[in-house]
Amino acid sequence: MKHAQRQSGKPAFDLIEESVHLLRSAPVATLATYYLGAIPCVLGFLFFWADMSRNPFAFQHLADASFVMTLLFLWMKFWQAIFARQIRAQMAAEQLPEMNFRRGIRIFFSQAMVQSSGLFLIPLSIIPVLSFSWVYTFYQNATVLAGVREEHLFKKSWQQTKLWPMQNHLVLGILAAFGFYVFLNWVTVCYALPGLLKMLLGVESVFTKSPMSLFNSTFFAAMFGLTYLCADPVLKVIYALRCFYGESLQSGEDLKAELKPFSFVPQKIAATILICAAIFISIPAAGAEPAPAANPQNVSRVSPADLDKAINETIHERKYTWRMPRGKIVEADSQEGFLEKFFNAIGQTLRKWARAVLHWWQDLMRKLFRHPPTSLSHNEPDFSWIVGVEMLLYVLVAVAVAALAVFLYRVWRDRDKSRTTVAAQAVQSAPDIADENVRADQLPEDGWIRLARELLERGEFRLAMRAFYLASLSHLAAKNLISIARFKSNRDYERELRRRAHAFPNLLLIFGENVSVFERIWYGMHEVNRDLVAQFSANVERIKTAG
């Protein structure tokens, strides 16, 4: 049974069940490690999605926003790798290796090099020519095996990808169905939430008036983000288990983990036996006399000098050179990876540059203030207190100049922003009245009245009537009797006015009459003339006085 399981892997449902149990038994700090990287990335993606899809000036900061999203993605992958390391240590029942700065930088850059290509290859793998499961599994394994050196990460990730393909396909299929139902649950909850708030707390919003307006691209992006935060930790634990069992085929780490709970009692018994044996051996036998030292006449004694010479010659033989310290140093150097050598070279270069800048600054201070030369024996400046005060003054002047430069830059940037805003307002000052997407809040009431009169003078009666109608909507919105929205129809405005302006019966009659006339003219085939537009504009003036 064990042999067959090692050949084909655990059943998919057993692997998923074990991963869920492992995730539930994980410490809170382990889950916090995952969400420390995932939540900022998901929130940043939702903001990026909403900004790029709705902001008309999004293209101006597209490069900056994309760079920030790249950093958030690498941040998430780094913390996912740390989360996988903690899960693997929990599976092996071992203490997690200490995380230092060098190891963290190595994990970050290895994930940056590998996972950056996954943004393009994983979507392309959906094409039938490629296999999605193989590509997706490779990048998940690269996250789990992040602690491996860079030159071995690709090889080990691919080796674990080739293991147990049937198990991998079943796991991905089951988790796809699970993720779909989690997505449906989030959609149902968030769709019912505005209605529950209105029912329980009396909170009325745009979504309670028009529930279908909730289904937009930003809403579905948010639902996908919540689904990812719920399902992806389980997926990471599953692939951590797959890599753990895959590596255990060679190392037997799974058997060691199963035997560790039983290793304490035999160790304790063995230690007790050794202590008792040492005590009994150290007690001399009662009445025993010491045996005389054997010293045959034909055996010659060795002098201490000859003995030291023989020992020295023996330990310096070639077969004992592996014990010499130099061999350890060479071995340690040979284990340095590419990134270690690269960062060590950068550190040495930066130290040389810092030393050169220090010498240059010291020489400049001497030339400026004519101080006697000082010793450079320890690469440390030996200025007097006057030189220190002068240096402080120069630093303060540099800080003041930098602050002034930043202030001028911000003033110049705000000036450009104000020009952009004025230009945008100038563009929006005269909207296309024939466009169906024009809203009443794009111009104030006076702007619509002015535009309507200009159209009336040019003889464009149909457009003039629509401008007067938008002016009436703008007036009612300014009085807080209606709220302007793209999805609302004329009947929606009429019903909303009936709820809010029931104290003004004349206003309801006049607005209803104008709505009927406007729909016959704008959406129908009825003729329009100057007298009809004049009567319509008179009703608009009556709306202004009645409300």
Protein backbone atom coordinates (compact mmCIF):
# COMPACT_ATOMS: atom_id res chain seq x y z
CA MET A 1 0.00 0.00 0.00
CA LYS A 2 2.80 2.40 0.91
CA HIS A 3 4.72 1.50 -2.24
CA ALA A 4 1.68 2.11 -4.47
CA GLN A 5 1.00 5.39 -2.70
CA ARG A 6 4.57 6.54 -3.31
CA GLN A 7 4.28 5.65 -7.00
CA SER A 8 0.97 7.45 -7.65
CA GLY A 9 0.84 9.87 -4.71
CA LYS A 10 -1.88 10.30 -2.15
CA PRO A 11 -5.50 10.42 -3.33
CA ALA A 12 -6.57 13.94 -4.20
CA PHE A 13 -9.27 14.17 -1.52
CA ASP A 14 -6.89 12.89 1.16
CA LEU A 15 -4.30 15.48 0.14
CA ILE A 16 -6.88 18.28 0.28
CA GLU A 17 -8.19 17.07 3.64
CA GLU A 18 -4.66 16.95 5.06
CA SER A 19 -3.91 20.44 3.77
CA VAL A 20 -7.08 21.88 5.35
CA HIS A 21 -6.24 20.21 8.67
CA LEU A 22 -2.67 21.53 8.46
CA LEU A 23 -3.91 25.04 7.71
CA ARG A 24 -6.39 24.96 10.62
CA SER A 25 -3.68 23.79 13.03
CA ALA A 26 -1.17 26.40 11.85
CA PRO A 27 -0.39 29.25 14.26
CA VAL A 28 -2.02 32.62 13.79
CA ALA A 29 1.37 34.12 12.96
CA THR A 30 1.66 31.80 9.94
CA LEU A 31 -1.68 32.96 8.50
CA ALA A 32 -0.77 36.57 9.29
CA THR A 33 2.40 36.08 7.25
CA TYR A 34 0.35 35.11 4.21
CA TYR A 35 -2.20 37.91 4.49
CA LEU A 36 0.53 40.48 5.20
CA GLY A 37 1.53 40.09 1.57
CA ALA A 38 -1.79 39.18 -0.08
CA ILE A 39 -4.15 41.86 1.31
CA PRO A 40 -2.09 44.91 0.19
CA CYS A 41 -1.71 43.42 -3.29
CA VAL A 42 -5.45 42.68 -3.65
CA LEU A 43 -6.43 46.15 -2.39
CA GLY A 44 -3.92 47.77 -4.72
CA PHE A 45 -5.26 45.74 -7.65
CA LEU A 46 -8.85 46.80 -6.91
CA PHE A 47 -7.83 50.47 -6.74
CA PHE A 48 -5.81 50.09 -9.95
CA TRP A 49 -8.76 48.38 -11.70
CA ALA A 50 -11.29 51.03 -10.62
CA ASP A 51 -8.96 53.91 -11.44
CA MET A 52 -7.99 52.61 -14.88
CA SER A 53 -11.60 51.78 -15.85
CA ARG A 54 -13.32 54.97 -14.65
CA ASN A 55 -10.77 57.79 -14.34
CA PRO A 56 -10.55 59.80 -17.61
CA PHE A 57 -7.03 60.98 -16.69
CA ALA A 58 -5.73 57.54 -15.74
CA PHE A 59 -3.31 57.40 -18.67
CA GLN A 60 -1.31 60.26 -17.14
CA HIS A 61 -0.17 58.14 -14.19
CA LEU A 62 -0.39 54.70 -15.82
CA ALA A 63 3.37 54.07 -15.58
CA ASP A 64 3.54 55.03 -11.89
CA ALA A 65 0.50 52.91 -11.01
CA SER A 66 1.90 49.92 -12.93
CA PHE A 67 5.23 50.22 -11.09
CA VAL A 68 3.44 50.28 -7.72
CA MET A 69 1.41 47.20 -8.72
CA THR A 70 4.65 45.41 -9.67
CA LEU A 71 6.12 46.13 -6.25
CA LEU A 72 2.93 44.93 -4.52
CA PHE A 73 2.97 41.72 -6.59
CA LEU A 74 6.61 40.99 -5.66
CA TRP A 75 5.79 41.83 -2.03
CA MET A 76 2.95 39.28 -2.08
CA LYS A 77 5.12 36.56 -3.65
CA PHE A 78 7.85 37.12 -1.06
CA TRP A 79 5.47 36.67 1.87
CA GLN A 80 3.83 33.68 0.22
CA ALA A 81 7.28 32.07 0.02
CA ILE A 82 7.82 32.78 3.74
CA PHE A 83 4.38 31.29 4.48
CA ALA A 84 5.29 28.12 2.53
CA ARG A 85 8.58 27.80 4.47
CA GLN A 86 6.68 27.95 7.76
CA ILE A 87 4.19 25.32 6.57
CA ARG A 88 7.02 23.00 5.47
CA ALA A 89 8.72 23.37 8.87
CA GLN A 90 5.41 22.53 10.54
CA MET A 91 5.03 19.40 8.37
CA ALA A 92 8.57 18.21 9.10
CA ALA A 93 8.15 18.90 12.85
CA GLU A 94 11.34 20.95 12.76
CA GLN A 95 12.28 24.38 13.96
CA LEU A 96 12.15 27.00 11.22
CA PRO A 97 15.62 28.24 10.19
CA GLU A 98 16.35 31.76 11.33
CA MET A 99 15.45 34.40 8.75
CA ASN A 100 18.24 36.94 8.29
CA PHE A 101 18.58 39.82 5.87
CA ARG A 102 20.72 37.96 3.34
CA ARG A 103 18.37 35.00 3.15
CA GLY A 104 15.36 37.30 2.83
CA ILE A 105 16.99 39.22 -0.04
CA ARG A 106 17.83 35.94 -1.77
CA ILE A 107 14.23 34.72 -1.51
CA PHE A 108 12.89 38.07 -2.73
CA PHE A 109 15.09 38.20 -5.82
CA SER A 110 14.58 34.53 -6.67
CA GLN A 111 10.80 35.02 -6.57
CA ALA A 112 11.11 38.22 -8.60
CA MET A 113 13.07 36.41 -11.31
CA VAL A 114 10.74 33.39 -11.49
CA GLN A 115 7.26 34.76 -10.77
CA SER A 116 7.55 37.77 -13.10
CA SER A 117 7.34 35.45 -16.12
CA GLY A 118 4.32 33.69 -14.63
CA LEU A 119 2.17 36.78 -15.23
CA PHE A 120 2.47 36.09 -18.97
CA LEU A 121 2.97 32.33 -19.21
CA ILE A 122 0.06 31.27 -16.97
CA PRO A 123 -2.61 33.10 -19.07
CA LEU A 124 -0.96 31.82 -22.27
CA SER A 125 -1.02 28.26 -20.93
CA ILE A 126 -4.82 28.27 -21.19
CA ILE A 127 -4.33 27.91 -24.94
CA PRO A 128 -4.83 24.20 -25.80
CA VAL A 129 -1.31 23.98 -27.26
CA LEU A 130 0.11 24.36 -23.76
CA SER A 131 -0.97 22.70 -20.54
CA PHE A 132 -2.30 24.99 -17.85
CA SER A 133 -1.82 22.53 -15.01
CA TRP A 134 1.89 21.98 -15.72
CA VAL A 135 2.72 25.69 -15.98
CA TYR A 136 0.61 26.65 -12.97
CA THR A 137 2.09 23.84 -10.85
CA PHE A 138 5.64 24.88 -11.77
CA TYR A 139 5.13 28.41 -10.43
CA GLN A 140 3.42 27.16 -7.29
CA ASN A 141 6.36 24.83 -6.66
CA ALA A 142 8.75 27.74 -7.21
CA THR A 143 6.96 29.58 -4.40
CA VAL A 144 7.12 26.56 -2.07
CA LEU A 145 10.81 25.84 -2.80
CA ALA A 146 11.91 29.46 -2.43
CA GLY A 147 14.62 28.66 0.10
CA VAL A 148 16.61 26.64 -2.49
CA ARG A 149 19.53 28.31 -4.21
CA GLU A 150 18.74 30.05 -7.49
CA GLU A 151 20.69 27.64 -9.68
CA HIS A 152 18.67 24.69 -8.31
CA LEU A 153 15.23 26.36 -8.05
CA PHE A 154 14.16 25.79 -11.67
CA LYS A 155 15.40 22.20 -11.68
CA LYS A 156 13.72 21.19 -8.42
CA SER A 157 10.47 22.98 -9.30
CA TRP A 158 10.27 21.12 -12.61
CA GLN A 159 11.08 17.79 -10.95
CA GLN A 160 8.22 18.25 -8.50
CA THR A 161 5.93 19.33 -11.34
CA LYS A 162 6.44 16.02 -13.17
CA LEU A 163 5.49 13.99 -10.08
CA TRP A 164 2.00 12.49 -9.86
CA PRO A 165 0.26 14.30 -12.77
CA MET A 166 -3.11 12.60 -12.22
CA GLN A 167 -3.19 13.73 -8.61
CA ASN A 168 -2.30 17.26 -9.71
CA HIS A 169 -5.10 17.41 -12.31
CA LEU A 170 -7.69 16.14 -9.84
CA VAL A 171 -6.60 18.63 -7.18
CA LEU A 172 -6.83 21.55 -9.62
CA GLY A 173 -10.27 20.43 -10.81
CA ILE A 174 -11.62 20.08 -7.27
CA LEU A 175 -10.18 23.43 -6.19
CA ALA A 176 -11.58 25.13 -9.31
CA ALA A 177 -15.07 23.93 -8.33
CA PHE A 178 -14.44 25.00 -4.73
CA GLY A 179 -13.27 28.45 -5.83
CA PHE A 180 -16.36 28.84 -8.06
CA TYR A 181 -18.71 28.13 -5.15
CA VAL A 182 -16.76 30.51 -2.90
CA PHE A 183 -17.15 33.15 -5.60
CA LEU A 184 -20.91 32.55 -5.78
CA ASN A 185 -21.18 32.81 -2.00
CA TRP A 186 -19.39 36.16 -1.96
CA VAL A 187 -21.55 37.47 -4.82
CA THR A 188 -24.73 36.42 -3.01
CA VAL A 189 -23.66 37.98 0.29
CA CYS A 190 -22.54 41.27 -1.22
CA TYR A 191 -25.64 41.47 -3.43
CA ALA A 192 -27.94 40.99 -0.43
CA LEU A 193 -25.97 43.31 1.86
CA PRO A 194 -27.52 46.66 0.71
CA GLY A 195 -31.02 45.21 1.11
CA LEU A 196 -30.19 43.94 4.59
CA LEU A 197 -28.82 47.34 5.60
CA LYS A 198 -31.99 49.03 4.39
CA MET A 199 -34.22 46.44 6.09
CA LEU A 200 -32.41 46.44 9.45
CA LEU A 201 -30.90 49.93 9.73
CA GLY A 202 -32.88 51.97 7.22
CA VAL A 203 -29.82 52.85 5.15
CA GLU A 204 -30.86 53.71 1.60
CA SER A 205 -28.29 53.82 -1.18
CA VAL A 206 -28.05 53.77 -4.93
CA PHE A 207 -27.86 49.96 -4.87
CA THR A 208 -31.18 49.64 -3.04
CA LYS A 209 -32.89 51.83 -5.64
CA SER A 210 -31.36 49.97 -8.57
CA PRO A 211 -29.94 46.60 -7.45
CA MET A 212 -28.73 45.65 -10.94
CA SER A 213 -26.33 48.61 -10.96
CA LEU A 214 -24.21 46.65 -8.48
CA PHE A 215 -23.09 44.26 -11.22
CA ASN A 216 -20.20 46.18 -12.75
CA SER A 217 -16.59 45.33 -13.49
CA THR A 218 -15.28 46.68 -10.18
CA PHE A 219 -17.77 44.57 -8.22
CA PHE A 220 -16.69 41.36 -9.95
CA ALA A 221 -13.02 42.28 -9.51
CA ALA A 222 -13.66 42.68 -5.77
CA MET A 223 -15.41 39.30 -5.65
CA PHE A 224 -12.47 37.65 -7.42
CA GLY A 225 -10.12 39.27 -4.89
CA LEU A 226 -12.09 37.93 -1.92
CA THR A 227 -12.23 34.48 -3.52
CA TYR A 228 -8.45 34.53 -4.00
CA LEU A 229 -7.87 35.43 -0.34
CA CYS A 230 -10.07 32.51 0.75
CA ALA A 231 -8.93 29.76 -1.62
CA ASP A 232 -5.27 30.51 -2.32
CA PRO A 233 -3.92 29.63 1.19
CA VAL A 234 -5.38 26.13 0.81
CA LEU A 235 -3.75 25.86 -2.61
CA LYS A 236 -0.35 26.92 -1.25
CA VAL A 237 -0.55 24.30 1.54
CA ILE A 238 -1.49 21.59 -0.98
CA TYR A 239 1.55 22.28 -3.13
CA ALA A 240 3.72 22.48 -0.02
CA LEU A 241 2.52 18.97 0.84
CA ARG A 242 3.19 17.76 -2.70
CA CYS A 243 6.76 19.08 -2.64
CA PHE A 244 7.30 17.65 0.86
CA TYR A 245 6.17 14.17 -0.14
CA GLY A 246 8.00 14.43 -3.46
CA GLU A 247 11.33 15.25 -1.81
CA SER A 248 10.70 12.57 0.79
CA LEU A 249 10.98 9.89 -1.91
CA GLN A 250 14.75 10.48 -1.78
CA SER A 251 15.30 11.87 1.74
CA GLY A 252 12.68 9.94 3.76
CA GLU A 253 11.70 13.17 5.51
CA ASP A 254 8.07 12.06 5.89
CA LEU A 255 9.14 8.95 7.83
CA LYS A 256 11.36 11.06 10.08
CA ALA A 257 8.46 13.39 10.80
CA GLU A 258 6.22 10.43 11.74
CA LEU A 259 8.90 8.95 14.06
CA LYS A 260 9.82 12.17 15.85
CA PRO A 261 6.93 12.00 18.37
CA PHE A 262 8.24 8.59 19.52
CA SER A 263 11.94 9.49 19.65
CA PHE A 264 11.94 11.07 23.11
CA VAL A 265 11.35 7.91 25.20
CA PRO A 266 14.14 5.75 23.64
CA GLN A 267 16.60 8.62 23.98
CA LYS A 268 15.75 8.98 27.64
CA ILE A 269 16.14 5.23 28.29
CA ALA A 270 19.46 5.12 26.44
CA ALA A 271 20.80 8.07 28.42
CA THR A 272 19.78 6.41 31.71
CA ILE A 273 21.53 3.15 30.73
CA LEU A 274 24.74 5.00 29.81
CA ILE A 275 24.77 6.92 33.11
CA CYS A 276 24.23 3.74 35.17
CA ALA A 277 26.96 1.90 33.25
CA ALA A 278 29.40 4.74 33.84
CA ILE A 279 28.65 4.73 37.57
CA PHE A 280 29.14 0.95 37.94
CA ILE A 281 32.37 0.94 35.94
CA SER A 282 33.86 3.78 37.99
CA ILE A 283 33.39 1.90 41.31
CA PRO A 284 36.52 -0.27 41.98
CA ALA A 285 36.08 -3.87 43.01
CA ALA A 286 36.28 -4.42 46.78
CA GLY A 287 39.64 -5.75 48.01
CA ALA A 288 41.15 -5.67 44.53
CA GLU A 289 44.82 -4.83 44.39
CA PRO A 290 46.26 -2.80 41.58
CA ALA A 291 47.96 -4.93 38.98
CA PRO A 292 51.68 -4.31 38.54
CA ALA A 293 52.60 -2.50 35.34
CA ALA A 294 54.09 -4.77 32.80
CA ASN A 295 57.50 -3.65 31.67
CA PRO A 296 59.32 -6.37 29.78
CA GLN A 297 63.04 -5.98 29.57
CA ASN A 298 63.11 -6.24 25.79
CA VAL A 299 60.75 -3.21 25.19
CA SER A 300 62.51 0.17 25.01
CA ARG A 301 60.89 3.38 26.29
CA VAL A 302 60.09 6.27 23.82
CA SER A 303 61.29 9.75 24.71
CA PRO A 304 58.74 12.67 24.72
CA ALA A 305 60.61 14.52 21.94
CA ASP A 306 60.49 11.52 19.63
CA LEU A 307 56.80 11.03 20.40
CA ASP A 308 55.98 14.68 19.56
CA LYS A 309 57.95 14.44 16.34
CA ALA A 310 56.11 11.27 15.30
CA ILE A 311 52.70 12.83 16.05
CA ASN A 312 53.57 15.99 14.10
CA GLU A 313 54.69 13.98 11.05
CA THR A 314 51.57 11.83 11.19
CA ILE A 315 49.03 14.67 11.33
CA HIS A 316 50.74 16.42 8.40
CA GLU A 317 50.41 13.46 6.09
CA ARG A 318 48.35 13.92 2.90
CA LYS A 319 45.50 11.72 4.01
CA TYR A 320 44.79 14.08 6.96
CA THR A 321 44.77 17.35 4.97
CA TRP A 322 40.96 17.40 5.03
CA ARG A 323 41.18 18.40 8.71
CA MET A 324 43.16 21.55 8.04
CA PRO A 325 41.39 24.95 8.38
CA ARG A 326 42.25 26.04 4.82
CA GLY A 327 40.11 23.25 3.39
CA LYS A 328 37.10 24.56 5.31
CA ILE A 329 37.61 28.05 3.97
CA VAL A 330 37.83 26.82 0.40
CA GLU A 331 34.73 24.70 0.90
CA ALA A 332 32.81 27.66 2.30
CA ASP A 333 33.87 29.81 -0.65
CA SER A 334 32.82 27.15 -3.12
CA GLN A 335 29.29 27.17 -1.68
CA GLU A 336 28.71 30.83 -2.48
CA GLY A 337 25.93 31.31 -4.96
CA PHE A 338 25.66 33.78 -7.78
CA LEU A 339 23.68 36.34 -5.76
CA GLU A 340 26.09 36.16 -2.80
CA LYS A 341 29.08 36.87 -5.03
CA PHE A 342 27.16 39.64 -6.78
CA PHE A 343 26.16 41.42 -3.55
CA ASN A 344 29.63 40.94 -2.02
CA ALA A 345 31.15 42.62 -5.07
CA ILE A 346 28.64 45.47 -4.81
CA GLY A 347 29.43 45.87 -1.10
CA GLN A 348 33.16 46.08 -1.76
CA THR A 349 32.61 48.65 -4.52
CA LEU A 350 30.37 50.78 -2.28
CA ARG A 351 32.94 50.66 0.51
CA LYS A 352 35.66 51.84 -1.90
CA TRP A 353 33.44 54.68 -3.11
CA ALA A 354 32.55 55.71 0.45
CA ARG A 355 36.26 55.74 1.41
CA ALA A 356 37.09 57.83 -1.66
CA VAL A 357 34.29 60.32 -0.93
CA LEU A 358 35.47 60.57 2.69
CA HIS A 359 39.02 61.38 1.61
CA TRP A 360 37.77 63.90 -0.95
CA TRP A 361 35.60 65.63 1.65
CA GLN A 362 38.46 65.73 4.14
CA ASP A 363 40.81 67.29 1.58
CA LEU A 364 38.15 69.84 0.58
CA MET A 365 37.60 70.91 4.19
CA ARG A 366 41.32 71.38 4.69
CA LYS A 367 41.61 73.50 1.54
CA LEU A 368 38.60 75.63 2.39
CA PHE A 369 39.40 76.28 6.04
CA ARG A 370 43.22 75.87 5.87
CA HIS A 371 43.54 73.46 8.72
CA PRO A 372 46.75 71.54 9.27
CA PRO A 373 46.82 68.02 7.77
CA THR A 374 45.70 65.21 9.99
CA SER A 375 46.45 61.52 10.10
CA LEU A 376 44.49 59.07 7.94
CA SER A 377 45.79 55.96 9.59
CA HIS A 378 42.36 54.57 10.46
CA ASN A 379 40.31 56.10 7.62
CA GLU A 380 38.58 58.44 10.09
CA PRO A 381 38.48 62.28 9.86
CA ASP A 382 40.30 64.10 12.63
CA PHE A 383 38.75 67.56 12.42
CA SER A 384 38.61 70.06 15.25
CA TRP A 385 35.33 71.25 16.68
CA ILE A 386 35.38 74.35 14.46
CA VAL A 387 35.45 72.19 11.36
CA GLY A 388 32.51 70.23 12.73
CA VAL A 389 30.48 73.42 13.17
CA GLU A 390 31.35 74.55 9.66
CA MET A 391 30.32 71.18 8.25
CA LEU A 392 27.01 71.43 10.11
CA LEU A 393 26.37 74.87 8.60
CA TYR A 394 27.02 73.54 5.11
CA VAL A 395 24.68 70.61 5.72
CA LEU A 396 21.93 72.98 6.91
CA VAL A 397 22.39 75.15 3.84
CA ALA A 398 22.17 72.06 1.60
CA VAL A 399 18.98 70.94 3.37
CA ALA A 400 17.45 74.41 2.95
CA VAL A 401 18.29 74.46 -0.77
CA ALA A 402 16.82 70.98 -1.21
CA ALA A 403 13.62 72.00 0.62
CA LEU A 404 13.33 75.11 -1.57
CA ALA A 405 13.76 72.96 -4.70
CA VAL A 406 11.06 70.54 -3.54
CA PHE A 407 8.72 73.48 -2.78
CA LEU A 408 9.26 75.03 -6.22
CA TYR A 409 8.70 71.66 -7.89
CA ARG A 410 5.40 71.19 -6.07
CA VAL A 411 4.28 74.70 -7.01
CA TRP A 412 5.12 73.98 -10.65
CA ARG A 413 3.34 70.63 -10.51
CA ASP A 414 0.21 72.17 -8.94
CA ARG A 415 0.27 74.82 -11.65
CA ASP A 416 0.26 72.13 -14.32
CA LYS A 417 -2.55 70.35 -12.52
CA SER A 418 -4.60 73.54 -12.37
CA ARG A 419 -4.04 74.08 -16.10
CA THR A 420 -5.19 70.52 -16.75
CA THR A 421 -8.29 71.08 -14.60
CA VAL A 422 -9.14 74.35 -16.34
CA ALA A 423 -8.67 72.69 -19.73
CA ALA A 424 -10.90 69.79 -18.67
CA GLN A 425 -13.55 72.22 -17.46
CA ALA A 426 -13.30 74.08 -20.74
CA VAL A 427 -13.81 70.84 -22.61
CA GLN A 428 -16.74 69.88 -20.40
CA SER A 429 -18.32 73.39 -20.58
CA ALA A 430 -20.03 72.57 -23.87
CA PRO A 431 -21.10 68.90 -23.91
CA ASP A 432 -22.65 67.28 -26.94
CA ILE A 433 -26.36 67.67 -26.24
CA ALA A 434 -27.23 65.00 -28.83
CA ASP A 435 -25.25 62.34 -26.96
CA GLU A 436 -27.42 59.95 -24.93
CA ASN A 437 -24.71 59.65 -22.25
CA VAL A 438 -24.80 63.35 -21.33
CA ARG A 439 -25.96 63.81 -17.70
CA ALA A 440 -27.66 66.79 -16.12
CA ASP A 441 -24.84 67.27 -13.60
CA GLN A 442 -22.25 68.05 -16.31
CA LEU A 443 -23.39 71.69 -16.39
CA PRO A 444 -25.06 73.94 -13.83
CA GLU A 445 -28.64 75.09 -14.34
CA ASP A 446 -27.65 78.44 -15.87
CA GLY A 447 -25.32 76.69 -18.32
CA TRP A 448 -28.14 74.48 -19.63
CA ILE A 449 -30.50 77.49 -19.91
CA ARG A 450 -27.89 79.45 -21.87
CA LEU A 451 -27.22 76.50 -24.18
CA ALA A 452 -30.96 75.97 -24.73
CA ARG A 453 -31.49 79.60 -25.74
CA GLU A 454 -28.58 79.44 -28.18
CA LEU A 455 -30.03 76.31 -29.76
CA LEU A 456 -33.46 77.93 -29.91
CA GLU A 457 -32.04 80.94 -31.75
CA ARG A 458 -30.38 78.61 -34.29
CA GLY A 459 -33.67 76.83 -34.87
CA GLU A 460 -32.63 73.47 -33.34
CA PHE A 461 -35.87 73.03 -31.40
CA ARG A 462 -35.44 69.37 -30.49
CA LEU A 463 -31.98 69.89 -28.93
CA ALA A 464 -33.19 73.06 -27.22
CA MET A 465 -36.03 71.13 -25.56
CA ARG A 466 -33.57 68.56 -24.22
CA ALA A 467 -31.32 71.33 -22.85
CA PHE A 468 -34.34 72.86 -21.02
CA TYR A 469 -35.20 69.41 -19.64
CA LEU A 470 -31.65 68.87 -18.37
CA ALA A 471 -31.81 72.33 -16.78
CA SER A 472 -34.92 71.27 -14.84
CA LEU A 473 -33.14 68.11 -13.66
CA SER A 474 -30.10 70.14 -12.59
CA HIS A 475 -32.36 72.50 -10.62
CA LEU A 476 -34.14 69.65 -8.84
CA ALA A 477 -30.80 67.99 -8.01
CA ALA A 478 -29.51 71.28 -6.55
CA LYS A 479 -32.60 71.37 -4.32
CA ASN A 480 -31.87 67.74 -3.20
CA LEU A 481 -35.23 66.60 -4.57
CA ILE A 482 -33.61 64.06 -6.92
CA SER A 483 -30.14 62.54 -7.36
CA ILE A 484 -28.57 62.36 -10.82
CA ALA A 485 -27.38 58.92 -11.97
CA ARG A 486 -26.55 57.43 -15.38
CA PHE A 487 -28.74 54.36 -14.92
CA LYS A 488 -31.94 56.26 -13.99
CA SER A 489 -34.77 56.77 -16.46
CA ASN A 490 -37.20 59.68 -16.63
CA ARG A 491 -39.81 57.63 -14.76
CA ASP A 492 -37.24 56.91 -12.04
CA TYR A 493 -36.78 60.67 -11.57
CA GLU A 494 -40.55 61.13 -11.49
CA ARG A 495 -41.02 58.44 -8.82
CA GLU A 496 -38.14 59.84 -6.78
CA LEU A 497 -39.65 63.32 -6.96
CA ARG A 498 -43.01 61.91 -5.84
CA ARG A 499 -41.32 60.47 -2.72
CA ARG A 500 -39.34 63.56 -1.81
CA ALA A 501 -41.54 66.45 -3.01
CA HIS A 502 -44.97 65.29 -1.90
CA ALA A 503 -45.38 68.69 -0.18
CA PHE A 504 -45.32 70.42 -3.60
CA PRO A 505 -48.22 68.98 -5.62
CA ASN A 506 -47.92 71.62 -8.37
CA LEU A 507 -44.29 70.68 -8.87
CA LEU A 508 -45.21 67.04 -9.47
CA LEU A 509 -47.86 67.99 -12.06
CA ILE A 510 -45.61 70.37 -13.99
CA PHE A 511 -42.65 67.98 -14.05
CA GLY A 512 -44.89 65.07 -15.11
CA GLU A 513 -46.28 67.15 -17.96
CA ASN A 514 -42.77 68.08 -19.13
CA VAL A 515 -41.63 64.45 -18.96
CA SER A 516 -44.53 63.37 -21.19
CA VAL A 517 -43.84 66.11 -23.74
CA PHE A 518 -40.10 65.47 -23.74
CA GLU A 519 -40.46 61.70 -24.29
CA ARG A 520 -42.89 62.22 -27.19
CA ILE A 521 -40.47 64.60 -28.88
CA TRP A 522 -37.07 63.06 -28.02
CA TYR A 523 -37.95 59.36 -28.30
CA GLY A 524 -40.95 59.64 -30.60
CA MET A 525 -41.79 61.09 -34.02
CA HIS A 526 -43.87 64.09 -32.88
CA GLU A 527 -43.24 67.45 -34.51
CA VAL A 528 -41.71 70.24 -32.48
CA ASN A 529 -41.89 73.99 -33.11
CA ARG A 530 -40.92 77.23 -31.42
CA ASP A 531 -44.24 77.60 -29.58
CA LEU A 532 -43.97 74.10 -28.06
CA VAL A 533 -40.40 74.79 -26.90
CA ALA A 534 -41.48 78.14 -25.44
CA GLN A 535 -44.29 76.42 -23.51
CA PHE A 536 -41.80 73.78 -22.31
CA SER A 537 -39.35 76.48 -21.12
CA ALA A 538 -42.18 78.25 -19.33
CA ASN A 539 -42.93 75.02 -17.45
CA VAL A 540 -39.25 74.86 -16.50
CA GLU A 541 -39.51 78.37 -15.01
CA ARG A 542 -42.62 77.29 -13.11
CA ILE A 543 -40.66 74.29 -11.77
CA LYS A 544 -38.00 76.70 -10.50
CA THR A 545 -40.56 78.82 -8.67
CA ALA A 546 -42.64 75.90 -7.38
CA GLY A 547 -39.70 74.00 -5.90
